[in-house]
């Protein structure tokens, strides 16, 4: 046997040249089938060797896919589009974040302005009673002090008017004078009237309010500052004077009738005017009535001045409440914007993470597993063809080897990511 017979050169394997235009599926399938047959013949169909050969076939398929640049670009196109979409999303999210930060700053600045306004309003509330004219309020300084002084003076005069007229009305209408009791002023007139019955009590109790009401009319007519009001005011004063004159007349008549000697004598206004008690009753009632009416008018005017300041303070307090509600609303919106910013940043982070994943896919090689399964099956068929046609073993041994080869092929497909339910899914392997 010659040297050429002893040393056999390894036959050249057909090299599958891959161009940008690719190659036909049939020729590629045939090449894998032939490679499976050839590798099986070299290894006598050994199932354990099949596992190594399949790994080599996968590496070969991967290299072929790398050279198919146009095909890789098509396979990567959805990922590239998704990457561009994510980048656009990030830009949109970033614009939204910037707008949210700007809105937060505007609302914080607005809250600062509102707080400054609240401080000014609080200062005005403190300063307004002392300097109302500074704030355009036509109110007198010290109106509150005058009001309280007038009210203190008015209270005892009111009590005096009530007790005086209650006493005079009781003496003029209910009391029976006697020689031992000729006093027209009765301090306990209400108690004595209650002993005479409900009608007497009601008359004595409510009659003083007639004079108090007439005094209130002095204020009502005097404040209008019109000629007609002044005429009405004079009429009210004259009516009150007439009322006082009548009460004094009836009281004095009762006293005259008690002390008269001549039964034919008559008592008239001429006789009443000659009595000191007549004039005393008029002046004690009528003058007190006028004083009460004018003091009441003064108190109401001062109260009006006080109300101007009080209303101005109330309006400022209402403005402070409104401003505080605005601050509360702005703070709530700021919290919402901060929460929105956190959500947007999380979305930006997730989008960047997805862009990184997509970039790794784009930088790597996309392996179309559906196609690889087709060519791996061709390779396995070539391998099994040699076993069935050329391997001389028993039928049972042949079946065992084939079953073992099928199991190894299944494990290989599982290892490289080929699944029955993921036939259209692509997997990546970084360069």
Protein backbone atom coordinates (compact mmCIF):
# COMPACT_ATOMS: atom_id res chain seq x y z
CA UNK A 1 0.00 0.00 0.00
CA UNK A 2 1.48 3.29 -1.10
CA UNK A 3 1.89 6.45 0.83
CA UNK A 4 -1.05 7.96 -1.03
CA UNK A 5 -3.15 5.03 0.06
CA UNK A 6 -2.10 5.35 3.71
CA UNK A 7 -2.54 9.10 3.91
CA UNK A 8 -5.92 10.22 2.68
CA UNK A 9 -6.47 13.91 2.40
CA UNK A 10 -9.59 15.20 4.06
CA UNK A 11 -12.12 15.83 1.32
CA UNK A 12 -12.99 19.47 0.86
CA UNK A 13 -16.39 20.41 2.27
CA UNK A 14 -18.57 22.45 0.02
CA UNK A 15 -18.44 26.04 1.31
CA UNK A 16 -21.70 27.87 1.17
CA UNK A 17 -20.89 31.33 -0.09
CA UNK A 18 -23.34 33.90 1.21
CA UNK A 19 -23.79 37.09 -0.71
CA UNK A 20 -25.89 40.19 0.00
CA UNK A 21 -28.46 38.81 -2.37
CA UNK A 22 -28.61 35.58 -0.35
CA UNK A 23 -29.11 32.13 -1.80
CA UNK A 24 -31.98 29.82 -2.56
CA UNK A 25 -33.66 27.94 0.23
CA UNK A 26 -33.47 24.64 -1.64
CA UNK A 27 -29.71 24.82 -2.13
CA UNK A 28 -29.24 25.77 1.50
CA UNK A 29 -31.42 22.88 2.68
CA UNK A 30 -29.52 20.49 0.44
CA UNK A 31 -26.20 21.73 1.82
CA UNK A 32 -27.33 21.11 5.43
CA UNK A 33 -28.69 17.70 4.50
CA UNK A 34 -25.42 16.72 2.89
CA UNK A 35 -23.43 18.04 5.83
CA UNK A 36 -25.54 15.89 8.18
CA UNK A 37 -24.99 12.80 6.06
CA UNK A 38 -21.26 13.44 5.83
CA UNK A 39 -20.78 14.12 9.56
CA UNK A 40 -22.82 11.02 10.45
CA UNK A 41 -20.65 8.86 8.17
CA UNK A 42 -17.48 10.15 9.80
CA UNK A 43 -18.79 9.40 13.27
CA UNK A 44 -20.70 6.21 12.43
CA UNK A 45 -23.96 7.87 13.48
CA UNK A 46 -22.81 8.25 17.09
CA UNK A 47 -25.58 10.03 19.02
CA UNK A 48 -23.24 11.71 21.51
CA UNK A 49 -21.21 13.22 18.71
CA UNK A 50 -24.45 14.57 17.19
CA UNK A 51 -24.75 17.03 20.08
CA UNK A 52 -21.36 18.55 19.26
CA UNK A 53 -22.13 18.63 15.57
CA UNK A 54 -25.44 20.37 16.13
CA UNK A 55 -23.68 23.09 18.16
CA UNK A 56 -21.29 23.55 15.26
CA UNK A 57 -24.20 23.69 12.82
CA UNK A 58 -25.85 26.39 14.93
CA UNK A 59 -22.62 28.40 14.94
CA UNK A 60 -22.39 27.98 11.18
CA UNK A 61 -26.00 29.12 10.73
CA UNK A 62 -25.29 32.12 12.94
CA UNK A 63 -22.27 33.13 10.86
CA UNK A 64 -24.30 32.79 7.70
CA UNK A 65 -26.99 35.05 9.15
CA UNK A 66 -24.37 37.63 10.09
CA UNK A 67 -23.25 37.88 6.48
CA UNK A 68 -26.82 38.47 5.29
CA UNK A 69 -26.68 42.17 6.13
CA UNK A 70 -29.80 43.12 4.22
CA UNK A 71 -31.74 40.37 5.93
CA UNK A 72 -30.39 41.42 9.33
CA UNK A 73 -31.49 44.97 8.64
CA UNK A 74 -35.01 43.76 7.83
CA UNK A 75 -35.11 41.60 10.95
CA UNK A 76 -33.84 44.46 13.09
CA UNK A 77 -36.14 47.03 11.50
CA UNK A 78 -39.02 46.56 14.04
CA UNK A 79 -36.52 46.94 16.88
CA UNK A 80 -35.00 50.04 15.28
CA UNK A 81 -38.46 51.53 14.82
CA UNK A 82 -39.35 50.74 18.40
CA UNK A 83 -36.09 52.33 19.51
CA UNK A 84 -36.89 55.52 17.59
CA UNK A 85 -40.39 55.43 19.08
CA UNK A 86 -38.97 55.12 22.59
CA UNK A 87 -36.57 57.99 21.95
CA UNK A 88 -39.50 60.12 20.79
CA UNK A 89 -41.41 59.08 23.91
CA UNK A 90 -38.47 60.13 26.08
CA UNK A 91 -38.39 63.54 24.38
CA UNK A 92 -42.11 63.94 24.97
CA UNK A 93 -41.78 62.82 28.58
CA UNK A 94 -38.86 65.20 29.11
CA UNK A 95 -40.86 68.11 27.70
CA UNK A 96 -43.71 67.18 30.05
CA UNK A 97 -41.25 67.05 32.98
CA UNK A 98 -39.83 70.47 32.08
CA UNK A 99 -43.35 71.91 31.78
CA UNK A 100 -44.28 70.39 35.14
CA UNK A 101 -41.20 71.93 36.79
CA UNK A 102 -42.07 75.28 35.23
CA UNK A 103 -45.66 75.02 36.48
CA UNK A 104 -44.41 74.15 39.98
CA UNK A 105 -42.13 77.21 39.98
CA UNK A 106 -44.97 79.46 38.79
CA UNK A 107 -47.30 78.15 41.48
CA UNK A 108 -44.63 78.47 44.18
CA UNK A 109 -43.96 82.06 43.06
CA UNK A 110 -47.72 82.68 43.08
CA UNK A 111 -47.97 81.29 46.62
CA UNK A 112 -45.15 83.59 47.69
CA UNK A 113 -47.01 86.57 46.22
CA UNK A 114 -50.21 85.49 47.96
CA UNK A 115 -48.35 85.14 51.28
CA UNK A 116 -47.01 88.67 50.86
CA UNK A 117 -50.53 89.89 50.14
CA UNK A 118 -51.83 88.13 53.27
CA UNK A 119 -49.14 89.85 55.36
CA UNK A 120 -50.18 93.22 53.93
CA UNK A 121 -53.85 92.50 54.67
CA UNK A 122 -53.04 91.50 58.26
CA UNK A 123 -51.08 94.72 58.71
CA UNK A 124 -54.03 96.70 57.31
CA UNK A 125 -56.41 94.98 59.72
CA UNK A 126 -54.20 96.10 62.61
CA UNK A 127 -53.61 99.62 61.29
CA UNK A 128 -57.05 100.34 59.85
CA UNK A 129 -58.85 101.36 63.12
CA UNK A 130 -56.15 103.99 63.79
CA UNK A 131 -55.76 105.31 60.22
CA UNK A 132 -58.96 104.60 58.24
CA UNK A 133 -58.41 107.57 55.91
CA UNK A 134 -55.16 106.01 54.65
CA UNK A 135 -57.20 103.16 53.18
CA UNK A 136 -59.90 105.39 51.71
CA UNK A 137 -62.46 104.67 54.42
CA UNK A 138 -64.45 107.82 55.44
CA UNK A 139 -64.55 106.90 59.12
CA UNK A 140 -63.56 108.99 62.12
CA UNK A 141 -60.69 108.01 64.33
CA UNK A 142 -61.70 106.88 67.77
CA UNK A 143 -65.22 105.99 66.67
CA UNK A 144 -65.13 102.92 68.84
CA UNK A 145 -64.33 104.90 72.03
CA UNK A 146 -67.09 107.45 71.35
CA UNK A 147 -69.51 104.65 70.65
CA UNK A 148 -68.88 102.93 73.96
CA UNK A 149 -69.00 106.18 75.91
CA UNK A 150 -72.33 107.10 74.29
CA UNK A 151 -73.66 103.61 74.96
CA UNK A 152 -72.67 103.83 78.65
CA UNK A 153 -74.49 107.17 78.96
CA UNK A 154 -77.52 105.95 77.01
CA UNK A 155 -78.11 102.85 79.16
CA UNK A 156 -78.98 104.59 82.44
CA UNK A 157 -81.05 107.25 80.63
CA UNK A 158 -83.06 104.43 79.05
CA UNK A 159 -83.67 102.87 82.46
CA UNK A 160 -84.65 106.33 83.80
CA UNK A 161 -87.12 106.95 80.95
CA UNK A 162 -88.71 103.56 81.46
CA UNK A 163 -89.19 103.93 85.19
CA UNK A 164 -90.24 107.62 84.93
CA UNK A 165 -92.92 107.10 82.30
CA UNK A 166 -94.09 103.89 83.95
CA UNK A 167 -94.60 105.88 87.13
CA UNK A 168 -96.27 108.87 85.42
CA UNK A 169 -98.58 106.69 83.34
CA UNK A 170 -99.56 104.71 86.43
CA UNK A 171 -100.24 107.93 88.39
CA UNK A 172 -102.21 109.48 85.50
CA UNK A 173 -104.33 106.44 84.67
CA UNK A 174 -104.43 103.94 87.53
CA UNK A 175 -103.44 105.42 90.86
CA UNK A 176 -106.03 106.64 93.38
CA UNK A 177 -104.46 109.52 95.34
CA UNK A 178 -105.22 109.88 99.06
CA UNK A 179 -104.43 112.54 101.61
CA UNK A 180 -101.73 110.30 103.00
CA UNK A 181 -100.29 109.42 99.56
CA UNK A 182 -100.13 112.31 97.10
CA UNK A 183 -96.86 111.35 95.41
CA UNK A 184 -97.12 111.28 91.60
CA UNK A 185 -93.76 109.47 91.25
CA UNK A 186 -94.25 105.78 92.08
CA UNK A 187 -90.99 103.72 91.95
CA UNK A 188 -92.88 100.42 92.29
CA UNK A 189 -95.50 101.33 89.70
CA UNK A 190 -95.17 97.99 87.87
CA UNK A 191 -95.75 95.99 91.07
CA UNK A 192 -98.78 98.08 92.02
CA UNK A 193 -100.16 97.86 88.45
CA UNK A 194 -99.89 94.06 88.55
CA UNK A 195 -102.12 94.12 91.65
CA UNK A 196 -104.75 96.05 89.67
CA UNK A 197 -104.96 93.50 86.87
CA UNK A 198 -103.41 92.53 83.57
CA UNK A 199 -104.71 95.57 81.66
CA UNK A 200 -103.19 97.98 84.13
CA UNK A 201 -99.93 96.04 84.08
CA UNK A 202 -99.77 96.02 80.29
CA UNK A 203 -100.48 99.74 80.12
CA UNK A 204 -97.77 100.64 82.61
CA UNK A 205 -95.18 98.27 81.12
CA UNK A 206 -95.65 99.09 77.42
CA UNK A 207 -96.44 102.81 77.60
CA UNK A 208 -92.76 103.80 78.17
CA UNK A 209 -91.86 102.12 74.87
CA UNK A 210 -94.02 104.74 73.11
CA UNK A 211 -91.60 107.44 74.23
CA UNK A 212 -88.57 105.27 73.45
CA UNK A 213 -90.03 104.68 69.98
CA UNK A 214 -90.55 108.41 69.50
CA UNK A 215 -86.94 108.93 70.54
CA UNK A 216 -85.86 106.36 67.92
CA UNK A 217 -87.76 108.40 65.30
CA UNK A 218 -85.54 111.40 66.14
CA UNK A 219 -82.57 109.37 64.89
CA UNK A 220 -84.38 108.06 61.82
CA UNK A 221 -85.51 111.50 60.61
CA UNK A 222 -82.38 113.39 61.67
CA UNK A 223 -79.95 111.18 59.75
CA UNK A 224 -81.63 111.79 56.35
CA UNK A 225 -80.68 115.48 56.35
CA UNK A 226 -83.68 116.56 54.24
CA UNK A 227 -86.24 119.32 54.76
CA UNK A 228 -89.11 116.85 54.84
CA UNK A 229 -87.23 114.83 57.45
CA UNK A 230 -86.66 117.92 59.57
CA UNK A 231 -90.39 118.75 59.40
CA UNK A 232 -91.22 115.20 60.49
CA UNK A 233 -88.67 115.53 63.27
CA UNK A 234 -90.32 118.72 64.56
CA UNK A 235 -93.72 117.00 64.42
CA UNK A 236 -92.43 114.05 66.44
CA UNK A 237 -90.98 116.37 69.08
CA UNK A 238 -94.25 118.32 69.31
CA UNK A 239 -96.29 115.11 69.59
CA UNK A 240 -94.05 113.91 72.39
CA UNK A 241 -94.37 117.28 74.13
CA UNK A 242 -98.17 117.12 73.81
CA UNK A 243 -98.13 113.58 75.23
CA UNK A 244 -96.07 114.77 78.20
CA UNK A 245 -98.39 117.75 78.74
CA UNK A 246 -101.43 115.47 78.81
CA UNK A 247 -99.84 113.10 81.31
CA UNK A 248 -98.79 115.99 83.53
CA UNK A 249 -102.29 117.51 83.23
CA UNK A 250 -104.06 114.28 84.27
CA UNK A 251 -101.74 113.79 87.22
CA UNK A 252 -102.16 117.38 88.36
CA UNK A 253 -105.97 117.16 87.88
CA UNK A 254 -106.15 114.13 90.18
CA UNK A 255 -104.20 115.98 92.84
CA UNK A 256 -106.37 119.12 92.42
CA UNK A 257 -109.60 117.13 92.73
CA UNK A 258 -108.29 115.56 95.95
CA UNK A 259 -107.53 118.94 97.54
CA UNK A 260 -110.24 121.23 96.04
CA UNK A 261 -112.58 122.95 98.49
CA UNK A 262 -115.03 124.64 96.14
CA UNK A 263 -117.14 121.97 94.45
CA UNK A 264 -118.10 124.36 91.64
CA UNK A 265 -114.51 125.13 90.69
CA UNK A 266 -113.15 123.71 87.44
CA UNK A 267 -109.61 122.57 86.58
CA UNK A 268 -108.16 123.51 83.20
CA UNK A 269 -104.79 124.01 81.53
CA UNK A 270 -104.60 127.50 82.96
CA UNK A 271 -104.79 126.11 86.47
CA UNK A 272 -102.37 123.28 85.61
CA UNK A 273 -99.77 125.68 84.28
CA UNK A 274 -99.75 127.44 87.62
CA UNK A 275 -98.58 124.22 89.31
CA UNK A 276 -94.87 123.53 89.78
CA UNK A 277 -95.44 119.78 89.63
CA UNK A 278 -97.02 120.18 86.17
CA UNK A 279 -93.85 121.73 84.77
CA UNK A 280 -91.66 119.35 86.73
CA UNK A 281 -93.32 116.32 85.15
CA UNK A 282 -92.99 117.83 81.67
CA UNK A 283 -89.34 118.76 82.01
CA UNK A 284 -88.28 115.56 83.78
CA UNK A 285 -89.85 113.53 80.97
CA UNK A 286 -89.60 115.66 77.85
CA UNK A 287 -86.04 116.92 78.38
CA UNK A 288 -84.86 113.39 79.24
CA UNK A 289 -86.64 112.16 76.10
CA UNK A 290 -84.82 114.74 73.92
CA UNK A 291 -81.47 113.90 75.54
CA UNK A 292 -82.10 110.19 75.00
CA UNK A 293 -83.08 110.73 71.35
CA UNK A 294 -80.01 112.79 70.47
CA UNK A 295 -77.60 110.51 72.36
CA UNK A 296 -79.17 107.51 70.60
CA UNK A 297 -78.62 109.27 67.26
CA UNK A 298 -75.02 109.98 68.22
CA UNK A 299 -74.45 106.35 69.24
CA UNK A 300 -75.93 105.06 65.98
CA UNK A 301 -73.77 107.46 63.97
CA UNK A 302 -70.68 106.32 65.80
CA UNK A 303 -71.78 102.73 65.28
CA UNK A 304 -72.04 103.47 61.59
CA UNK A 305 -68.46 104.78 61.65
CA UNK A 306 -67.47 101.71 63.59
CA UNK A 307 -69.28 99.52 61.05
CA UNK A 308 -67.30 101.07 58.20
CA UNK A 309 -64.08 99.99 59.81
CA UNK A 310 -65.60 96.66 60.87
CA UNK A 311 -66.83 95.96 57.33
CA UNK A 312 -63.42 96.88 55.91
CA UNK A 313 -61.76 94.48 58.35
CA UNK A 314 -64.33 91.78 57.54
CA UNK A 315 -63.67 92.15 53.80
CA UNK A 316 -59.95 91.82 54.39
CA UNK A 317 -60.48 88.71 56.50
CA UNK A 318 -62.61 87.25 53.70
CA UNK A 319 -59.81 88.07 51.23
CA UNK A 320 -57.32 86.32 53.50
CA UNK A 321 -59.55 83.21 53.56
CA UNK A 322 -59.81 83.27 49.76
CA UNK A 323 -56.04 83.66 49.42
CA UNK A 324 -55.44 80.77 51.82
CA UNK A 325 -57.75 78.58 49.74
CA UNK A 326 -55.73 79.56 46.66
CA UNK A 327 -52.51 78.56 48.44
CA UNK A 328 -54.10 75.24 49.46
CA UNK A 329 -55.24 74.58 45.87
CA UNK A 330 -51.81 75.51 44.49
CA UNK A 331 -50.09 73.20 46.97
CA UNK A 332 -52.42 70.36 46.01
CA UNK A 333 -51.63 70.98 42.32
CA UNK A 334 -47.90 71.12 43.13
CA UNK A 335 -48.18 67.73 44.84
CA UNK A 336 -49.98 66.38 41.76
CA UNK A 337 -47.26 67.77 39.49
CA UNK A 338 -44.51 66.25 41.66
CA UNK A 339 -46.28 62.90 41.50
CA UNK A 340 -46.59 63.31 37.73
CA UNK A 341 -42.86 64.10 37.47
CA UNK A 342 -42.02 60.93 39.41
CA UNK A 343 -44.23 58.86 37.07
CA UNK A 344 -42.69 60.49 33.99
CA UNK A 345 -39.16 59.92 35.26
CA UNK A 346 -40.01 56.29 35.90
CA UNK A 347 -41.35 56.03 32.34
CA UNK A 348 -38.19 57.71 31.02
CA UNK A 349 -36.06 55.25 32.98
CA UNK A 350 -38.08 52.30 31.67
CA UNK A 351 -37.87 53.66 28.12
CA UNK A 352 -34.09 54.09 28.42
CA UNK A 353 -33.83 50.55 29.74
CA UNK A 354 -35.87 49.30 26.79
CA UNK A 355 -33.69 51.34 24.39
CA UNK A 356 -30.64 49.62 25.89
CA UNK A 357 -32.24 46.23 25.35
CA UNK A 358 -33.15 47.12 21.79
CA UNK A 359 -29.62 48.42 21.15
CA UNK A 360 -28.17 45.10 22.31
CA UNK A 361 -30.52 43.34 19.91
CA UNK A 362 -29.53 45.68 17.08
CA UNK A 363 -25.81 45.32 17.86
CA UNK A 364 -26.12 41.54 18.01
CA UNK A 365 -27.19 38.99 15.46
CA UNK A 366 -30.82 38.06 15.14
CA UNK A 367 -31.30 34.35 14.70
CA UNK A 368 -34.60 33.43 13.03
CA UNK A 369 -35.28 30.25 14.97
CA UNK A 370 -38.09 29.17 12.66
CA UNK A 371 -35.63 29.02 9.78
CA UNK A 372 -32.93 27.40 11.90
CA UNK A 373 -35.32 24.61 12.92
CA UNK A 374 -35.92 23.92 9.23
CA UNK A 375 -32.21 23.65 8.42
CA UNK A 376 -31.41 21.75 11.63
CA UNK A 377 -34.09 19.25 10.62
CA UNK A 378 -32.41 18.88 7.23
CA UNK A 379 -29.09 18.25 8.96
CA UNK A 380 -30.71 15.65 11.25
CA UNK A 381 -32.33 13.96 8.29
CA UNK A 382 -28.93 13.65 6.59
CA UNK A 383 -27.50 12.22 9.80
CA UNK A 384 -30.31 9.68 10.14
CA UNK A 385 -30.17 8.81 6.43
CA UNK A 386 -26.62 7.50 6.87
CA UNK A 387 -27.72 5.46 9.90
CA UNK A 388 -30.61 3.90 8.01
CA UNK A 389 -28.70 3.28 4.77
CA UNK A 390 -25.08 2.61 5.66
CA UNK A 391 -24.79 1.69 9.33
CA UNK A 392 -24.76 -2.09 9.70
CA UNK A 393 -26.39 -2.84 13.02
CA UNK A 394 -29.38 -4.78 14.23
CA UNK A 395 -32.84 -3.33 13.84
CA UNK A 396 -33.25 -2.75 17.55
CA UNK A 397 -29.85 -1.04 17.79
CA UNK A 398 -30.73 1.08 14.80
CA UNK A 399 -33.99 2.17 16.44
CA UNK A 400 -32.18 2.94 19.71
CA UNK A 401 -29.58 5.12 17.96
CA UNK A 402 -32.28 7.00 16.04
CA UNK A 403 -34.34 7.56 19.22
CA UNK A 404 -31.26 8.82 21.02
CA UNK A 405 -30.44 11.16 18.12
CA UNK A 406 -33.97 12.54 18.14
CA UNK A 407 -33.78 13.21 21.88
CA UNK A 408 -30.40 14.94 21.52
CA UNK A 409 -31.80 17.08 18.70
CA UNK A 410 -34.76 18.05 20.87
CA UNK A 411 -32.46 19.04 23.71
CA UNK A 412 -30.35 21.07 21.29
CA UNK A 413 -33.36 22.96 19.95
CA UNK A 414 -34.47 23.71 23.51
CA UNK A 415 -30.97 24.95 24.34
CA UNK A 416 -30.78 27.40 21.43
CA UNK A 417 -34.28 28.69 22.15
CA UNK A 418 -36.43 26.93 19.59
CA UNK A 419 -39.94 26.33 21.00
CA UNK A 420 -43.09 25.07 19.37
CA UNK A 421 -45.01 28.07 20.77
CA UNK A 422 -42.31 30.59 19.75
CA UNK A 423 -41.81 29.71 16.11
CA UNK A 424 -41.91 33.36 15.02
CA UNK A 425 -39.78 34.70 17.84
CA UNK A 426 -36.20 35.77 17.23
CA UNK A 427 -33.36 35.50 19.69
CA UNK A 428 -30.13 37.43 19.86
CA UNK A 429 -26.52 36.65 20.49
CA UNK A 430 -24.15 39.57 21.04
CA UNK A 431 -21.22 40.00 18.73
